[in-house]
C-alpha atoms as a PDB file:
ATOM      1  CA  MET A   1      -0.062  -0.006   0.026  1.00  0.00           C
ATOM      2  CA  SER A   2       1.270   3.453  -0.802  1.00  0.00           C
ATOM      3  CA  ASP A   3       1.315   6.556   1.391  1.00  0.00           C
ATOM      4  CA  ASN A   4      -0.140   8.725  -1.350  1.00  0.00           C
ATOM      5  CA  LYS A   5      -3.199  10.379   0.151  1.00  0.00           C
ATOM      6  CA  ILE A   6      -6.025  10.299  -2.385  1.00  0.00           C
ATOM      7  CA  ILE A   7      -9.040  11.276  -0.241  1.00  0.00           C
ATOM      8  CA  GLU A   8      -8.941  13.243   3.045  1.00  0.00           C
ATOM      9  CA  ILE A   9     -12.095  13.924   5.047  1.00  0.00           C
ATOM     10  CA  LYS A  10     -11.915  16.768   7.547  1.00  0.00           C
ATOM     11  CA  HIS A  11     -14.579  17.575  10.134  1.00  0.00           C
ATOM     12  CA  LEU A  12     -17.386  16.363   7.800  1.00  0.00           C
ATOM     13  CA  GLY A  13     -20.906  17.013   9.026  1.00  0.00           C
ATOM     14  CA  LYS A  14     -24.295  16.417   7.466  1.00  0.00           C
ATOM     15  CA  THR A  15     -27.691  17.363   8.793  1.00  0.00           C
ATOM     16  CA  PHE A  16     -31.172  16.743   7.355  1.00  0.00           C
ATOM     17  CA  GLY A  17     -33.414  19.302   9.024  1.00  0.00           C
ATOM     18  CA  LYS A  18     -32.731  18.846  12.783  1.00  0.00           C
ATOM     19  CA  ASN A  19     -31.360  15.378  12.319  1.00  0.00           C
ATOM     20  CA  GLU A  20     -27.539  15.335  12.552  1.00  0.00           C
ATOM     21  CA  VAL A  21     -26.535  12.260  10.539  1.00  0.00           C
ATOM     22  CA  LEU A  22     -22.766  12.790  10.372  1.00  0.00           C
ATOM     23  CA  LYS A  23     -20.844  14.503  13.177  1.00  0.00           C
ATOM     24  CA  ASP A  24     -17.195  15.639  12.774  1.00  0.00           C
ATOM     25  CA  ILE A  25     -15.982  12.809  10.568  1.00  0.00           C
ATOM     26  CA  ASN A  26     -12.222  12.622   9.978  1.00  0.00           C
ATOM     27  CA  PHE A  27     -10.280  10.013   8.102  1.00  0.00           C
ATOM     28  CA  GLU A  28      -8.081   9.582   5.038  1.00  0.00           C
ATOM     29  CA  ILE A  29      -7.699   7.065   2.188  1.00  0.00           C
ATOM     30  CA  ASN A  30      -4.324   6.304   0.619  1.00  0.00           C
ATOM     31  CA  GLU A  31      -3.910   5.093  -2.930  1.00  0.00           C
ATOM     32  CA  GLY A  32      -4.470   1.317  -3.082  1.00  0.00           C
ATOM     33  CA  ASP A  33      -6.421   1.168   0.250  1.00  0.00           C
ATOM     34  CA  VAL A  34      -9.395  -1.063   0.555  1.00  0.00           C
ATOM     35  CA  THR A  35     -11.450   0.592   3.296  1.00  0.00           C
ATOM     36  CA  CYS A  36     -14.502  -1.192   4.637  1.00  0.00           C
ATOM     37  CA  ILE A  37     -17.018   0.827   6.570  1.00  0.00           C
ATOM     38  CA  ILE A  38     -19.035  -1.259   8.945  1.00  0.00           C
ATOM     39  CA  GLY A  39     -21.762  -0.464  11.529  1.00  0.00           C
ATOM     40  CA  ALA A  40     -25.496  -0.903  12.121  1.00  0.00           C
ATOM     41  CA  SER A  41     -28.080   0.452   9.747  1.00  0.00           C
ATOM     42  CA  GLY A  42     -28.637   4.180  10.401  1.00  0.00           C
ATOM     43  CA  SER A  43     -25.142   4.869  11.557  1.00  0.00           C
ATOM     44  CA  GLY A  44     -24.410   7.250   8.706  1.00  0.00           C
ATOM     45  CA  LYS A  45     -22.288   4.977   6.539  1.00  0.00           C
ATOM     46  CA  SER A  46     -24.186   5.423   3.245  1.00  0.00           C
ATOM     47  CA  THR A  47     -24.703   9.145   3.846  1.00  0.00           C
ATOM     48  CA  MET A  48     -20.910   9.541   4.190  1.00  0.00           C
ATOM     49  CA  LEU A  49     -20.354   7.667   0.936  1.00  0.00           C
ATOM     50  CA  ARG A  50     -22.978   9.825  -0.822  1.00  0.00           C
ATOM     51  CA  CYS A  51     -21.180  12.952   0.455  1.00  0.00           C
ATOM     52  CA  ILE A  52     -17.850  11.661  -0.981  1.00  0.00           C
ATOM     53  CA  ASN A  53     -19.577  11.180  -4.367  1.00  0.00           C
ATOM     54  CA  LEU A  54     -21.367  14.538  -4.086  1.00  0.00           C
ATOM     55  CA  LEU A  55     -24.805  12.870  -4.207  1.00  0.00           C
ATOM     56  CA  GLU A  56     -25.256  14.693  -0.939  1.00  0.00           C
ATOM     57  CA  THR A  57     -23.883  18.153  -0.088  1.00  0.00           C
ATOM     58  CA  PRO A  58     -22.010  18.192   3.234  1.00  0.00           C
ATOM     59  CA  THR A  59     -23.276  20.651   5.768  1.00  0.00           C
ATOM     60  CA  ALA A  60     -19.851  21.178   7.262  1.00  0.00           C
ATOM     61  CA  GLY A  61     -16.195  20.205   6.739  1.00  0.00           C
ATOM     62  CA  GLU A  62     -14.044  19.429   3.727  1.00  0.00           C
ATOM     63  CA  ILE A  63     -13.562  16.432   1.419  1.00  0.00           C
ATOM     64  CA  LEU A  64     -10.193  16.694  -0.285  1.00  0.00           C
ATOM     65  CA  PHE A  65      -9.525  14.657  -3.398  1.00  0.00           C
ATOM     66  CA  LYS A  66      -5.857  14.740  -4.322  1.00  0.00           C
ATOM     67  CA  GLY A  67      -5.536  17.956  -2.240  1.00  0.00           C
ATOM     68  CA  SER A  68      -8.529  19.848  -3.691  1.00  0.00           C
ATOM     69  CA  ASP A  69     -11.768  20.445  -1.767  1.00  0.00           C
ATOM     70  CA  ILE A  70     -14.411  18.771  -3.902  1.00  0.00           C
ATOM     71  CA  THR A  71     -17.336  20.350  -2.071  1.00  0.00           C
ATOM     72  CA  LYS A  72     -16.506  23.389  -4.185  1.00  0.00           C
ATOM     73  CA  GLU A  73     -16.307  21.293  -7.355  1.00  0.00           C
ATOM     74  CA  LYS A  74     -18.171  22.828 -10.332  1.00  0.00           C
ATOM     75  CA  ASN A  75     -17.822  19.920 -12.776  1.00  0.00           C
ATOM     76  CA  VAL A  76     -19.451  17.157 -10.814  1.00  0.00           C
ATOM     77  CA  ALA A  77     -19.642  14.700 -13.770  1.00  0.00           C
ATOM     78  CA  ALA A  78     -15.866  14.951 -14.290  1.00  0.00           C
ATOM     79  CA  TYR A  79     -15.245  14.364 -10.600  1.00  0.00           C
ATOM     80  CA  ARG A  80     -17.573  11.360 -10.519  1.00  0.00           C
ATOM     81  CA  ALA A  81     -15.655   9.894 -13.396  1.00  0.00           C
ATOM     82  CA  LYS A  82     -12.613   9.771 -11.081  1.00  0.00           C
ATOM     83  CA  VAL A  83     -14.562   8.703  -7.991  1.00  0.00           C
ATOM     84  CA  GLY A  84     -17.130   6.183  -9.210  1.00  0.00           C
ATOM     85  CA  MET A  85     -19.916   4.580  -7.252  1.00  0.00           C
ATOM     86  CA  CYS A  86     -21.789   1.217  -7.318  1.00  0.00           C
ATOM     87  CA  PHE A  87     -25.166   1.188  -5.652  1.00  0.00           C
ATOM     88  CA  GLN A  88     -27.104  -1.564  -3.990  1.00  0.00           C
ATOM     89  CA  SER A  89     -29.885  -1.135  -6.543  1.00  0.00           C
ATOM     90  CA  PHE A  90     -27.542  -1.389  -9.617  1.00  0.00           C
ATOM     91  CA  ASN A  91     -29.056   1.753 -11.313  1.00  0.00           C
ATOM     92  CA  LEU A  92     -28.510   0.322 -14.769  1.00  0.00           C
ATOM     93  CA  PHE A  93     -30.329   1.877 -17.824  1.00  0.00           C
ATOM     94  CA  SER A  94     -33.175  -0.595 -18.369  1.00  0.00           C
ATOM     95  CA  ASN A  95     -33.550   0.182 -22.119  1.00  0.00           C
ATOM     96  CA  MET A  96     -29.832  -0.466 -22.861  1.00  0.00           C
ATOM     97  CA  THR A  97     -27.862  -3.693 -23.242  1.00  0.00           C
ATOM     98  CA  ALA A  98     -25.082  -4.519 -20.795  1.00  0.00           C
ATOM     99  CA  LEU A  99     -22.612  -3.329 -23.446  1.00  0.00           C
ATOM    100  CA  LYS A 100     -24.355  -0.033 -24.047  1.00  0.00           C
ATOM    101  CA  ASN A 101     -24.657   0.556 -20.317  1.00  0.00           C
ATOM    102  CA  CYS A 102     -20.852   0.425 -20.093  1.00  0.00           C
ATOM    103  CA  MET A 103     -20.301   2.606 -23.158  1.00  0.00           C
ATOM    104  CA  VAL A 104     -22.545   5.578 -22.480  1.00  0.00           C
ATOM    105  CA  GLY A 105     -20.478   7.220 -19.661  1.00  0.00           C
ATOM    106  CA  PRO A 106     -17.019   7.018 -21.458  1.00  0.00           C
ATOM    107  CA  MET A 107     -18.632   8.451 -24.605  1.00  0.00           C
ATOM    108  CA  LYS A 108     -20.545  11.296 -22.956  1.00  0.00           C
ATOM    109  CA  VAL A 109     -18.200  12.202 -20.031  1.00  0.00           C
ATOM    110  CA  LEU A 110     -14.807  11.069 -21.224  1.00  0.00           C
ATOM    111  CA  LYS A 111     -15.559  11.944 -24.918  1.00  0.00           C
ATOM    112  CA  LYS A 112     -14.298   8.548 -26.128  1.00  0.00           C
ATOM    113  CA  SER A 113     -15.083   7.395 -29.648  1.00  0.00           C
ATOM    114  CA  LYS A 114     -17.678   4.685 -30.032  1.00  0.00           C
ATOM    115  CA  GLN A 115     -15.025   2.174 -31.053  1.00  0.00           C
ATOM    116  CA  GLU A 116     -12.797   2.990 -28.085  1.00  0.00           C
ATOM    117  CA  ALA A 117     -15.706   2.912 -25.647  1.00  0.00           C
ATOM    118  CA  GLU A 118     -16.905  -0.453 -26.995  1.00  0.00           C
ATOM    119  CA  GLN A 119     -13.409  -1.920 -26.759  1.00  0.00           C
ATOM    120  CA  ASP A 120     -13.110  -0.742 -23.146  1.00  0.00           C
ATOM    121  CA  ALA A 121     -16.616  -1.939 -22.293  1.00  0.00           C
ATOM    122  CA  LEU A 122     -15.933  -5.448 -23.630  1.00  0.00           C
ATOM    123  CA  PHE A 123     -12.686  -5.595 -21.711  1.00  0.00           C
ATOM    124  CA  PHE A 124     -14.312  -4.787 -18.396  1.00  0.00           C
ATOM    125  CA  LEU A 125     -17.427  -6.914 -18.978  1.00  0.00           C
ATOM    126  CA  ASN A 126     -15.132  -9.912 -19.654  1.00  0.00           C
ATOM    127  CA  LYS A 127     -13.184  -8.980 -16.551  1.00  0.00           C
ATOM    128  CA  VAL A 128     -16.257  -9.321 -14.354  1.00  0.00           C
ATOM    129  CA  GLY A 129     -17.391 -12.510 -16.127  1.00  0.00           C
ATOM    130  CA  MET A 130     -20.206 -10.906 -18.103  1.00  0.00           C
ATOM    131  CA  GLY A 131     -18.752 -11.316 -21.550  1.00  0.00           C
ATOM    132  CA  PRO A 132     -21.370 -13.806 -22.692  1.00  0.00           C
ATOM    133  CA  TYR A 133     -24.180 -11.400 -21.710  1.00  0.00           C
ATOM    134  CA  ILE A 134     -23.210  -8.227 -23.579  1.00  0.00           C
ATOM    135  CA  LYS A 135     -26.486  -8.080 -25.580  1.00  0.00           C
ATOM    136  CA  ALA A 136     -28.709  -8.746 -22.586  1.00  0.00           C
ATOM    137  CA  LYS A 137     -30.818  -6.060 -21.106  1.00  0.00           C
ATOM    138  CA  PRO A 138     -30.962  -5.710 -17.242  1.00  0.00           C
ATOM    139  CA  ARG A 139     -34.383  -7.419 -16.926  1.00  0.00           C
ATOM    140  CA  GLN A 140     -32.812 -10.608 -18.588  1.00  0.00           C
ATOM    141  CA  LEU A 141     -30.060 -10.788 -15.927  1.00  0.00           C
ATOM    142  CA  SER A 142     -30.026 -11.961 -12.323  1.00  0.00           C
ATOM    143  CA  GLY A 143     -29.291  -9.540  -9.532  1.00  0.00           C
ATOM    144  CA  GLY A 144     -25.735 -10.699  -9.273  1.00  0.00           C
ATOM    145  CA  GLN A 145     -25.200 -10.368 -13.002  1.00  0.00           C
ATOM    146  CA  GLN A 146     -26.662  -6.848 -12.938  1.00  0.00           C
ATOM    147  CA  GLN A 147     -24.339  -5.847 -10.130  1.00  0.00           C
ATOM    148  CA  ARG A 148     -21.332  -7.190 -12.060  1.00  0.00           C
ATOM    149  CA  VAL A 149     -22.460  -5.070 -15.118  1.00  0.00           C
ATOM    150  CA  ALA A 150     -22.712  -2.114 -12.796  1.00  0.00           C
ATOM    151  CA  ILE A 151     -19.160  -2.730 -11.578  1.00  0.00           C
ATOM    152  CA  ALA A 152     -17.928  -3.074 -15.211  1.00  0.00           C
ATOM    153  CA  ARG A 153     -19.699   0.192 -16.027  1.00  0.00           C
ATOM    154  CA  ALA A 154     -17.876   1.995 -13.180  1.00  0.00           C
ATOM    155  CA  LEU A 155     -14.514   0.459 -14.183  1.00  0.00           C
ATOM    156  CA  ALA A 156     -14.997   1.643 -17.739  1.00  0.00           C
ATOM    157  CA  MET A 157     -14.623   5.210 -16.482  1.00  0.00           C
ATOM    158  CA  HIS A 158     -11.139   4.309 -15.277  1.00  0.00           C
ATOM    159  CA  PRO A 159     -11.774   5.761 -11.820  1.00  0.00           C
ATOM    160  CA  ASP A 160      -9.031   6.548  -9.270  1.00  0.00           C
ATOM    161  CA  VAL A 161     -11.396   5.395  -6.490  1.00  0.00           C
ATOM    162  CA  LEU A 162     -14.492   3.200  -6.505  1.00  0.00           C
ATOM    163  CA  LEU A 163     -17.229   3.522  -3.835  1.00  0.00           C
ATOM    164  CA  PHE A 164     -19.529   0.607  -3.073  1.00  0.00           C
ATOM    165  CA  ASP A 165     -22.728   1.195  -1.130  1.00  0.00           C
ATOM    166  CA  GLU A 166     -23.731  -2.216   0.265  1.00  0.00           C
ATOM    167  CA  PRO A 167     -23.229  -3.855  -3.150  1.00  0.00           C
ATOM    168  CA  THR A 168     -24.567  -7.226  -2.048  1.00  0.00           C
ATOM    169  CA  SER A 169     -27.485  -6.218   0.195  1.00  0.00           C
ATOM    170  CA  ALA A 170     -30.152  -6.533  -2.601  1.00  0.00           C
ATOM    171  CA  LEU A 171     -28.907  -9.939  -3.795  1.00  0.00           C
ATOM    172  CA  ASP A 172     -30.016 -13.476  -3.030  1.00  0.00           C
ATOM    173  CA  PRO A 173     -27.453 -15.269  -0.849  1.00  0.00           C
ATOM    174  CA  GLN A 174     -26.193 -17.506  -3.737  1.00  0.00           C
ATOM    175  CA  MET A 175     -25.442 -14.413  -5.802  1.00  0.00           C
ATOM    176  CA  VAL A 176     -23.476 -12.549  -3.064  1.00  0.00           C
ATOM    177  CA  GLY A 177     -20.385 -14.743  -3.655  1.00  0.00           C
ATOM    178  CA  GLU A 178     -20.025 -13.928  -7.323  1.00  0.00           C
ATOM    179  CA  VAL A 179     -19.979 -10.206  -6.697  1.00  0.00           C
ATOM    180  CA  LEU A 180     -17.597 -10.470  -3.726  1.00  0.00           C
ATOM    181  CA  GLU A 181     -15.258 -12.553  -5.885  1.00  0.00           C
ATOM    182  CA  VAL A 182     -15.114  -9.723  -8.470  1.00  0.00           C
ATOM    183  CA  MET A 183     -14.414  -7.195  -5.719  1.00  0.00           C
ATOM    184  CA  LYS A 184     -11.660  -9.420  -4.227  1.00  0.00           C
ATOM    185  CA  THR A 185      -9.954  -9.432  -7.619  1.00  0.00           C
ATOM    186  CA  LEU A 186     -10.112  -5.659  -7.888  1.00  0.00           C
ATOM    187  CA  ALA A 187      -8.597  -5.392  -4.404  1.00  0.00           C
ATOM    188  CA  LYS A 188      -5.739  -7.639  -5.360  1.00  0.00           C
ATOM    189  CA  GLU A 189      -5.080  -5.548  -8.404  1.00  0.00           C
ATOM    190  CA  GLY A 190      -4.627  -2.451  -6.273  1.00  0.00           C
ATOM    191  CA  LEU A 191      -7.846  -0.500  -7.003  1.00  0.00           C
ATOM    192  CA  THR A 192      -8.618   2.046  -4.312  1.00  0.00           C
ATOM    193  CA  MET A 193     -12.035   1.134  -2.810  1.00  0.00           C
ATOM    194  CA  ILE A 194     -14.337   2.347  -0.070  1.00  0.00           C
ATOM    195  CA  ILE A 195     -16.914  -0.234   0.701  1.00  0.00           C
ATOM    196  CA  VAL A 196     -19.957   0.074   2.979  1.00  0.00           C
ATOM    197  CA  THR A 197     -20.764  -3.545   3.769  1.00  0.00           C
ATOM    198  CA  HIS A 198     -22.599  -5.931   6.149  1.00  0.00           C
ATOM    199  CA  GLU A 199     -20.336  -8.780   4.894  1.00  0.00           C
ATOM    200  CA  MET A 200     -18.009  -9.049   7.883  1.00  0.00           C
ATOM    201  CA  ALA A 201     -15.953 -11.953   6.668  1.00  0.00           C
ATOM    202  CA  PHE A 202     -15.356 -10.089   3.455  1.00  0.00           C
ATOM    203  CA  ALA A 203     -14.399  -6.892   5.315  1.00  0.00           C
ATOM    204  CA  ARG A 204     -11.980  -8.902   7.484  1.00  0.00           C
ATOM    205  CA  ASP A 205     -10.375 -10.759   4.629  1.00  0.00           C
ATOM    206  CA  VAL A 206     -10.127  -8.144   1.857  1.00  0.00           C
ATOM    207  CA  SER A 207      -9.597  -4.743   3.465  1.00  0.00           C
ATOM    208  CA  ASN A 208      -6.475  -3.166   4.892  1.00  0.00           C
ATOM    209  CA  HIS A 209      -8.446  -0.506   6.733  1.00  0.00           C
ATOM    210  CA  VAL A 210     -11.734  -0.872   8.660  1.00  0.00           C
ATOM    211  CA  VAL A 211     -13.891   1.989   9.960  1.00  0.00           C
ATOM    212  CA  TYR A 212     -16.596   1.272  12.528  1.00  0.00           C
ATOM    213  CA  MET A 213     -19.358   3.903  12.592  1.00  0.00           C
ATOM    214  CA  GLN A 214     -22.090   4.377  15.141  1.00  0.00           C
ATOM    215  CA  ASP A 215     -24.555   7.268  15.593  1.00  0.00           C
ATOM    216  CA  GLY A 216     -22.984   9.337  12.899  1.00  0.00           C
ATOM    217  CA  VAL A 217     -19.444   9.246  14.258  1.00  0.00           C
ATOM    218  CA  ILE A 218     -16.379   7.143  13.632  1.00  0.00           C
ATOM    219  CA  TRP A 219     -16.152   5.040  16.808  1.00  0.00           C
ATOM    220  CA  GLU A 220     -13.030   3.131  15.962  1.00  0.00           C
ATOM    221  CA  GLU A 221     -10.784   2.455  12.962  1.00  0.00           C
ATOM    222  CA  GLY A 222      -7.769   0.365  12.278  1.00  0.00           C
ATOM    223  CA  THR A 223      -6.526  -2.713  10.446  1.00  0.00           C
ATOM    224  CA  PRO A 224      -8.826  -5.735  10.140  1.00  0.00           C
ATOM    225  CA  GLN A 225      -6.617  -7.518  12.665  1.00  0.00           C
ATOM    226  CA  GLU A 226      -7.130  -4.653  15.196  1.00  0.00           C
ATOM    227  CA  ILE A 227     -10.865  -4.185  14.598  1.00  0.00           C
ATOM    228  CA  PHE A 228     -11.911  -7.856  14.312  1.00  0.00           C
ATOM    229  CA  GLY A 229      -9.150  -9.341  16.460  1.00  0.00           C
ATOM    230  CA  ASP A 230      -8.765  -6.817  19.299  1.00  0.00           C
ATOM    231  CA  PRO A 231     -11.396  -4.013  19.231  1.00  0.00           C
ATOM    232  CA  GLN A 232     -10.770  -1.356  21.875  1.00  0.00           C
ATOM    233  CA  LYS A 233     -14.272   0.112  22.282  1.00  0.00           C
ATOM    234  CA  GLN A 234     -17.099  -1.764  23.993  1.00  0.00           C
ATOM    235  CA  GLU A 235     -19.516  -0.605  21.256  1.00  0.00           C
ATOM    236  CA  THR A 236     -17.331  -2.178  18.585  1.00  0.00           C
ATOM    237  CA  LYS A 237     -17.121  -5.420  20.567  1.00  0.00           C
ATOM    238  CA  ASP A 238     -20.916  -5.471  21.017  1.00  0.00           C
ATOM    239  CA  PHE A 239     -21.535  -4.884  17.276  1.00  0.00           C
ATOM    240  CA  LEU A 240     -19.021  -7.573  16.224  1.00  0.00           C
ATOM    241  CA  SER A 241     -20.120 -10.117  18.813  1.00  0.00           C
ATOM    242  CA  ARG A 242     -22.776 -11.521  16.514  1.00  0.00           C
ATOM    243  CA  PHE A 243     -20.082 -12.239  13.900  1.00  0.00           C
ATOM    244  CA  ILE A 244     -17.621 -13.795  16.308  1.00  0.00           C
ATOM    245  CA  ASN A 245     -18.045 -17.289  14.839  1.00  0.00           C
ATOM    246  CA  MET A 246     -17.383 -16.228  11.224  1.00  0.00           C
END
């Protein structure tokens, strides 16, 4: 892992009306980090991810991407090309084939030619094991297959960082494994990833950095060995106690 800081979050806060969802969040991501964010539902994990991708506007603090505060970013589409996101609900274009889903972003945002975009899309669809399904539309694919197309679509933008918001939570149990396998491969290849997940065994085995959130704050962070093997805070121990026999 390198020590090149790629994302730095300083005193991030987010409120919805009177509801304070994120409170003074501080942490950093280095190039090549695989950071898993864990915690109970409602702890602010997905909101933080949405702030990093500018789907939500932070109420306070800074999010630095390669040293620049992206909360002041004017060209959001160009920024999202560098910091991509995969959602739990796939968000594929239902009227487009898998191939076209992976071509539209590079052509519109990166201004790639149709030929170049198609070549790239084919490469990444093959990479996630979806080469045989390039002509299929989302409704013809299983949930796991749709999620793999969504990952290929994000990769086709050649992002510096890829965010995953509970990428397996909408899947049937037998499909979870196929998506996690793709993500494990990306981790081994050094892609910088921030992953909100309920898959504790995956978080333990794949990440090099684990962040435990509760009530809108970072309660504890460290290596998987520290968080899963020797958590310091009682709240972390209580949360992890149900996964102790993983």
